[in-house]
Amino acid sequence: MSKLVLIDDEPVFHKMVQMTIGNTELSKEATYSVDGEVVLDYLEEKKLESQSLPDYIFVDLYMPLFDGWDFLNRFQNLYKSLRKNIKIYIVSSSIDPADIDRSKRYPFVTTFISKPIMKDVFDQISLAN
């Protein structure tokens, strides 16, 4: 069973993903956070324990304080030391092509997903893995 982490500052979006993912095969173990820095601290602490690490992280780009770009920049310094290859998905309501292009510059980012996330997106990710 795979593990998923969602980092987003909108509690309503957390609830939508929680309801949607319950009807998919992608993950039955999900963690929801409004603070990407806390998630990074956890990854740093557990980096050698592959069973403790998530398989997927979905991160919003625009959040107050510590945003998705901050998360990606810090994750860039961490991901090579992780005992597991974590798939990072950008999930954003931004439709700015510059955001999509910028996110593609990070070698560990799997793809950019526009909000809202529908069940078929989770199904496609599940089938691809």
N, C-alpha and C. Protein backbone atom coordinates (compact mmCIF):
# COMPACT_ATOMS: atom_id res chain seq x y z
N MET A 1 0.84 -1.18 0.00
CA MET A 1 0.00 0.00 0.00
C MET A 1 0.88 1.24 0.00
N SER A 2 0.53 2.20 -0.81
CA SER A 2 1.34 3.40 -0.91
C SER A 2 0.90 4.46 0.10
N LYS A 3 1.83 5.37 0.36
CA LYS A 3 1.59 6.46 1.30
C LYS A 3 1.63 7.78 0.54
N LEU A 4 0.73 8.66 0.89
CA LEU A 4 0.60 9.94 0.22
C LEU A 4 0.62 11.06 1.25
N VAL A 5 1.25 12.18 0.89
CA VAL A 5 1.22 13.39 1.71
C VAL A 5 0.71 14.52 0.83
N LEU A 6 -0.26 15.28 1.34
CA LEU A 6 -0.77 16.45 0.65
C LEU A 6 -0.41 17.68 1.47
N ILE A 7 0.27 18.63 0.82
CA ILE A 7 0.64 19.89 1.47
C ILE A 7 -0.13 20.99 0.77
N ASP A 8 -1.06 21.58 1.50
CA ASP A 8 -1.91 22.64 0.94
C ASP A 8 -2.50 23.43 2.09
N ASP A 9 -2.67 24.73 1.89
CA ASP A 9 -3.17 25.59 2.96
C ASP A 9 -4.69 25.67 3.01
N GLU A 10 -5.39 24.96 2.13
CA GLU A 10 -6.85 25.02 2.08
C GLU A 10 -7.47 23.75 2.67
N PRO A 11 -8.06 23.85 3.87
CA PRO A 11 -8.69 22.68 4.49
C PRO A 11 -9.78 22.06 3.61
N VAL A 12 -10.48 22.89 2.85
CA VAL A 12 -11.53 22.36 1.96
C VAL A 12 -10.91 21.45 0.90
N PHE A 13 -9.74 21.83 0.39
CA PHE A 13 -9.06 21.01 -0.60
C PHE A 13 -8.61 19.69 0.02
N HIS A 14 -8.15 19.73 1.26
CA HIS A 14 -7.78 18.50 1.97
C HIS A 14 -8.98 17.55 2.01
N LYS A 15 -10.14 18.09 2.36
CA LYS A 15 -11.35 17.27 2.47
C LYS A 15 -11.75 16.71 1.10
N MET A 16 -11.64 17.52 0.06
CA MET A 16 -11.98 17.05 -1.29
C MET A 16 -11.07 15.90 -1.71
N VAL A 17 -9.77 16.03 -1.45
CA VAL A 17 -8.82 14.97 -1.81
C VAL A 17 -9.10 13.74 -0.96
N GLN A 18 -9.38 13.94 0.31
CA GLN A 18 -9.67 12.82 1.20
C GLN A 18 -10.87 12.03 0.68
N MET A 19 -11.91 12.72 0.27
CA MET A 19 -13.10 12.04 -0.25
C MET A 19 -12.81 11.37 -1.60
N THR A 20 -12.06 12.02 -2.43
CA THR A 20 -11.76 11.50 -3.76
C THR A 20 -10.84 10.29 -3.69
N ILE A 21 -9.81 10.39 -2.90
CA ILE A 21 -8.81 9.32 -2.84
C ILE A 21 -9.37 8.05 -2.21
N GLY A 22 -10.40 8.21 -1.40
CA GLY A 22 -11.03 7.04 -0.79
C GLY A 22 -11.66 6.11 -1.82
N ASN A 23 -11.91 6.62 -3.00
CA ASN A 23 -12.52 5.84 -4.07
C ASN A 23 -11.51 5.41 -5.12
N THR A 24 -10.24 5.44 -4.78
CA THR A 24 -9.20 5.05 -5.74
C THR A 24 -8.31 3.97 -5.14
N GLU A 25 -7.43 3.47 -5.96
CA GLU A 25 -6.45 2.47 -5.51
C GLU A 25 -5.11 3.11 -5.18
N LEU A 26 -4.99 4.42 -5.34
CA LEU A 26 -3.70 5.08 -5.18
C LEU A 26 -3.14 4.94 -3.77
N SER A 27 -3.92 5.29 -2.78
CA SER A 27 -3.39 5.27 -1.42
C SER A 27 -4.52 5.17 -0.42
N LYS A 28 -4.32 4.33 0.54
CA LYS A 28 -5.27 4.25 1.66
C LYS A 28 -4.66 4.88 2.91
N GLU A 29 -3.41 5.30 2.81
CA GLU A 29 -2.73 5.95 3.93
C GLU A 29 -2.29 7.33 3.47
N ALA A 30 -3.01 8.35 3.92
CA ALA A 30 -2.72 9.72 3.50
C ALA A 30 -2.55 10.63 4.71
N THR A 31 -1.63 11.57 4.56
CA THR A 31 -1.37 12.58 5.58
C THR A 31 -1.61 13.93 4.94
N TYR A 32 -2.24 14.82 5.70
CA TYR A 32 -2.57 16.14 5.19
C TYR A 32 -1.89 17.19 6.06
N SER A 33 -1.22 18.14 5.41
CA SER A 33 -0.48 19.15 6.15
C SER A 33 -0.67 20.52 5.50
N VAL A 34 -0.67 21.54 6.32
CA VAL A 34 -0.70 22.91 5.81
C VAL A 34 0.71 23.51 5.83
N ASP A 35 1.66 22.76 6.34
CA ASP A 35 3.02 23.27 6.53
C ASP A 35 4.06 22.34 5.90
N GLY A 36 4.58 22.74 4.75
CA GLY A 36 5.58 21.95 4.05
C GLY A 36 6.88 21.83 4.81
N GLU A 37 7.17 22.79 5.64
CA GLU A 37 8.41 22.74 6.42
C GLU A 37 8.39 21.58 7.42
N VAL A 38 7.23 21.32 8.00
CA VAL A 38 7.08 20.19 8.92
C VAL A 38 7.30 18.87 8.17
N VAL A 39 6.77 18.78 6.96
CA VAL A 39 6.94 17.57 6.15
C VAL A 39 8.43 17.38 5.82
N LEU A 40 9.11 18.44 5.46
CA LEU A 40 10.55 18.34 5.15
C LEU A 40 11.36 17.92 6.37
N ASP A 41 11.00 18.45 7.53
CA ASP A 41 11.69 18.05 8.77
C ASP A 41 11.51 16.55 9.01
N TYR A 42 10.30 16.05 8.77
CA TYR A 42 10.02 14.62 8.92
C TYR A 42 10.85 13.80 7.93
N LEU A 43 10.89 14.24 6.67
CA LEU A 43 11.67 13.53 5.65
C LEU A 43 13.15 13.48 6.02
N GLU A 44 13.66 14.58 6.52
CA GLU A 44 15.05 14.64 6.93
C GLU A 44 15.32 13.65 8.07
N GLU A 45 14.41 13.62 9.01
CA GLU A 45 14.56 12.72 10.17
C GLU A 45 14.47 11.25 9.77
N LYS A 46 13.62 10.92 8.81
CA LYS A 46 13.34 9.53 8.44
C LYS A 46 13.99 9.13 7.11
N LYS A 47 14.91 9.91 6.60
CA LYS A 47 15.43 9.70 5.24
C LYS A 47 16.04 8.32 4.99
N LEU A 48 16.50 7.65 6.03
CA LEU A 48 17.09 6.33 5.86
C LEU A 48 16.11 5.19 6.15
N GLU A 49 14.87 5.54 6.48
CA GLU A 49 13.85 4.54 6.80
C GLU A 49 12.82 4.52 5.67
N SER A 50 13.08 3.76 4.64
CA SER A 50 12.22 3.77 3.45
C SER A 50 10.76 3.46 3.78
N GLN A 51 10.51 2.59 4.74
CA GLN A 51 9.14 2.24 5.08
C GLN A 51 8.39 3.40 5.73
N SER A 52 9.11 4.37 6.27
CA SER A 52 8.48 5.53 6.91
C SER A 52 8.21 6.67 5.94
N LEU A 53 8.84 6.61 4.78
CA LEU A 53 8.72 7.69 3.81
C LEU A 53 7.49 7.53 2.92
N PRO A 54 6.91 8.65 2.50
CA PRO A 54 5.75 8.56 1.60
C PRO A 54 6.20 8.16 0.19
N ASP A 55 5.25 7.65 -0.58
CA ASP A 55 5.51 7.33 -1.98
C ASP A 55 5.24 8.54 -2.87
N TYR A 56 4.26 9.36 -2.44
CA TYR A 56 3.85 10.53 -3.21
C TYR A 56 3.72 11.73 -2.30
N ILE A 57 4.12 12.89 -2.82
CA ILE A 57 3.85 14.15 -2.15
C ILE A 57 3.19 15.06 -3.17
N PHE A 58 2.02 15.58 -2.81
CA PHE A 58 1.31 16.56 -3.61
C PHE A 58 1.47 17.89 -2.90
N VAL A 59 2.00 18.89 -3.60
CA VAL A 59 2.27 20.17 -2.94
C VAL A 59 1.71 21.33 -3.76
N ASP A 60 1.03 22.22 -3.06
CA ASP A 60 0.50 23.45 -3.65
C ASP A 60 1.64 24.45 -3.76
N LEU A 61 1.60 25.29 -4.77
CA LEU A 61 2.68 26.26 -4.95
C LEU A 61 2.51 27.51 -4.10
N TYR A 62 1.30 28.00 -4.02
CA TYR A 62 1.09 29.30 -3.38
C TYR A 62 0.36 29.16 -2.06
N MET A 63 1.16 29.29 -0.98
CA MET A 63 0.66 29.22 0.38
C MET A 63 1.35 30.32 1.18
N PRO A 64 0.70 30.78 2.25
CA PRO A 64 1.36 31.80 3.07
C PRO A 64 2.56 31.22 3.81
N LEU A 65 3.47 32.05 4.16
CA LEU A 65 4.68 31.69 4.90
C LEU A 65 5.61 30.79 4.10
N PHE A 66 5.47 29.49 4.20
CA PHE A 66 6.36 28.53 3.53
C PHE A 66 5.60 27.94 2.35
N ASP A 67 5.88 28.45 1.14
CA ASP A 67 5.09 28.04 -0.02
C ASP A 67 5.70 26.84 -0.74
N GLY A 68 5.05 26.42 -1.81
CA GLY A 68 5.51 25.26 -2.56
C GLY A 68 6.89 25.44 -3.16
N TRP A 69 7.21 26.65 -3.56
CA TRP A 69 8.55 26.91 -4.11
C TRP A 69 9.61 26.72 -3.02
N ASP A 70 9.30 27.19 -1.81
CA ASP A 70 10.22 26.97 -0.68
C ASP A 70 10.40 25.47 -0.44
N PHE A 71 9.29 24.74 -0.49
CA PHE A 71 9.35 23.28 -0.31
C PHE A 71 10.26 22.65 -1.37
N LEU A 72 10.05 23.00 -2.64
CA LEU A 72 10.84 22.41 -3.73
C LEU A 72 12.32 22.75 -3.60
N ASN A 73 12.62 23.98 -3.22
CA ASN A 73 14.02 24.38 -3.08
C ASN A 73 14.72 23.61 -1.96
N ARG A 74 14.03 23.42 -0.86
CA ARG A 74 14.65 22.66 0.24
C ARG A 74 14.69 21.16 -0.08
N PHE A 75 13.64 20.65 -0.73
CA PHE A 75 13.62 19.24 -1.10
C PHE A 75 14.76 18.92 -2.07
N GLN A 76 15.12 19.88 -2.89
CA GLN A 76 16.22 19.68 -3.85
C GLN A 76 17.52 19.32 -3.14
N ASN A 77 17.72 19.85 -1.96
CA ASN A 77 18.93 19.54 -1.20
C ASN A 77 18.83 18.23 -0.43
N LEU A 78 17.64 17.65 -0.41
CA LEU A 78 17.39 16.47 0.41
C LEU A 78 17.15 15.20 -0.39
N TYR A 79 16.54 15.32 -1.56
CA TYR A 79 15.99 14.13 -2.22
C TYR A 79 17.01 13.06 -2.58
N LYS A 80 18.23 13.43 -2.87
CA LYS A 80 19.23 12.42 -3.22
C LYS A 80 19.66 11.58 -2.02
N SER A 81 19.44 12.08 -0.81
CA SER A 81 19.83 11.32 0.38
C SER A 81 18.69 10.44 0.91
N LEU A 82 17.51 10.54 0.31
CA LEU A 82 16.37 9.73 0.76
C LEU A 82 16.52 8.28 0.32
N ARG A 83 16.12 7.36 1.16
CA ARG A 83 16.22 5.94 0.88
C ARG A 83 15.12 5.47 -0.07
N LYS A 84 14.22 6.37 -0.46
CA LYS A 84 13.11 6.03 -1.35
C LYS A 84 12.95 7.15 -2.38
N ASN A 85 12.58 6.76 -3.58
CA ASN A 85 12.29 7.73 -4.63
C ASN A 85 10.84 8.19 -4.46
N ILE A 86 10.67 9.39 -3.94
CA ILE A 86 9.33 9.94 -3.70
C ILE A 86 8.90 10.73 -4.93
N LYS A 87 7.71 10.45 -5.41
CA LYS A 87 7.17 11.16 -6.56
C LYS A 87 6.52 12.46 -6.08
N ILE A 88 6.98 13.57 -6.63
CA ILE A 88 6.46 14.88 -6.25
C ILE A 88 5.52 15.38 -7.36
N TYR A 89 4.32 15.75 -6.96
CA TYR A 89 3.33 16.31 -7.88
C TYR A 89 3.00 17.73 -7.44
N ILE A 90 3.09 18.67 -8.36
CA ILE A 90 2.66 20.03 -8.08
C ILE A 90 1.16 20.07 -8.32
N VAL A 91 0.42 20.59 -7.35
CA VAL A 91 -1.02 20.73 -7.48
C VAL A 91 -1.34 22.20 -7.22
N SER A 92 -1.81 22.88 -8.26
CA SER A 92 -2.00 24.32 -8.13
C SER A 92 -3.19 24.80 -8.94
N SER A 93 -3.76 25.88 -8.46
CA SER A 93 -4.82 26.53 -9.23
C SER A 93 -4.23 27.52 -10.24
N SER A 94 -2.93 27.69 -10.19
CA SER A 94 -2.24 28.57 -11.14
C SER A 94 -2.32 27.98 -12.54
N ILE A 95 -2.60 28.85 -13.49
CA ILE A 95 -2.58 28.44 -14.91
C ILE A 95 -1.49 29.21 -15.65
N ASP A 96 -0.61 29.84 -14.89
CA ASP A 96 0.48 30.61 -15.46
C ASP A 96 1.52 29.66 -16.07
N PRO A 97 1.77 29.76 -17.37
CA PRO A 97 2.76 28.89 -18.01
C PRO A 97 4.15 29.01 -17.37
N ALA A 98 4.47 30.16 -16.80
CA ALA A 98 5.77 30.33 -16.15
C ALA A 98 5.88 29.42 -14.92
N ASP A 99 4.78 29.22 -14.20
CA ASP A 99 4.79 28.31 -13.04
C ASP A 99 5.01 26.88 -13.49
N ILE A 100 4.35 26.49 -14.57
CA ILE A 100 4.50 25.13 -15.09
C ILE A 100 5.93 24.92 -15.56
N ASP A 101 6.48 25.88 -16.31
CA ASP A 101 7.86 25.77 -16.79
C ASP A 101 8.85 25.74 -15.63
N ARG A 102 8.64 26.60 -14.65
CA ARG A 102 9.54 26.64 -13.50
C ARG A 102 9.52 25.32 -12.74
N SER A 103 8.34 24.73 -12.58
CA SER A 103 8.25 23.46 -11.84
C SER A 103 8.97 22.33 -12.57
N LYS A 104 9.02 22.40 -13.89
CA LYS A 104 9.70 21.37 -14.68
C LYS A 104 11.22 21.42 -14.54
N ARG A 105 11.73 22.49 -13.98
CA ARG A 105 13.19 22.61 -13.79
C ARG A 105 13.70 21.76 -12.63
N TYR A 106 12.79 21.30 -11.81
CA TYR A 106 13.18 20.43 -10.68
C TYR A 106 13.15 19.00 -11.18
N PRO A 107 14.28 18.30 -11.16
CA PRO A 107 14.35 16.95 -11.73
C PRO A 107 13.47 15.91 -11.04
N PHE A 108 13.07 16.17 -9.82
CA PHE A 108 12.29 15.21 -9.05
C PHE A 108 10.78 15.44 -9.17
N VAL A 109 10.36 16.53 -9.82
CA VAL A 109 8.93 16.79 -9.99
C VAL A 109 8.39 15.90 -11.10
N THR A 110 7.37 15.13 -10.78
CA THR A 110 6.78 14.20 -11.73
C THR A 110 5.91 14.93 -12.74
N THR A 111 5.02 15.78 -12.26
CA THR A 111 4.16 16.53 -13.17
C THR A 111 3.46 17.67 -12.43
N PHE A 112 2.81 18.51 -13.20
CA PHE A 112 2.04 19.65 -12.72
C PHE A 112 0.57 19.31 -12.93
N ILE A 113 -0.23 19.36 -11.86
CA ILE A 113 -1.65 19.05 -11.94
C ILE A 113 -2.44 20.30 -11.58
N SER A 114 -3.39 20.66 -12.42
CA SER A 114 -4.24 21.81 -12.13
C SER A 114 -5.39 21.40 -11.22
N LYS A 115 -5.69 22.28 -10.27
CA LYS A 115 -6.82 22.05 -9.37
C LYS A 115 -8.10 22.31 -10.14
N PRO A 116 -9.18 21.68 -9.81
CA PRO A 116 -9.29 20.65 -8.77
C PRO A 116 -8.82 19.30 -9.29
N ILE A 117 -8.38 18.46 -8.38
CA ILE A 117 -7.96 17.11 -8.77
C ILE A 117 -9.21 16.24 -8.82
N MET A 118 -9.35 15.55 -9.92
CA MET A 118 -10.49 14.65 -10.09
C MET A 118 -10.02 13.20 -9.88
N LYS A 119 -10.96 12.33 -9.64
CA LYS A 119 -10.66 10.93 -9.39
C LYS A 119 -9.82 10.31 -10.50
N ASP A 120 -10.07 10.67 -11.75
CA ASP A 120 -9.33 10.07 -12.86
C ASP A 120 -7.84 10.38 -12.80
N VAL A 121 -7.47 11.52 -12.21
CA VAL A 121 -6.05 11.85 -12.06
C VAL A 121 -5.39 10.85 -11.11
N PHE A 122 -6.03 10.57 -9.99
CA PHE A 122 -5.50 9.59 -9.04
C PHE A 122 -5.46 8.20 -9.66
N ASP A 123 -6.48 7.87 -10.42
CA ASP A 123 -6.52 6.56 -11.09
C ASP A 123 -5.35 6.43 -12.09
N GLN A 124 -5.07 7.48 -12.84
CA GLN A 124 -3.97 7.45 -13.80
C GLN A 124 -2.63 7.29 -13.08
N ILE A 125 -2.44 7.99 -11.98
CA ILE A 125 -1.20 7.87 -11.22
C ILE A 125 -1.06 6.46 -10.68
N SER A 126 -2.14 5.91 -10.18
CA SER A 126 -2.12 4.55 -9.64
C SER A 126 -1.76 3.53 -10.72
N LEU A 127 -2.33 3.68 -11.90
CA LEU A 127 -2.06 2.76 -12.99
C LEU A 127 -0.62 2.87 -13.49
N ALA A 128 -0.06 4.05 -13.42
CA ALA A 128 1.30 4.28 -13.92
C ALA A 128 2.36 3.68 -12.99
N ASN A 129 1.97 3.35 -11.78
CA ASN A 129 2.96 2.87 -10.80
C ASN A 129 2.75 1.45 -10.41
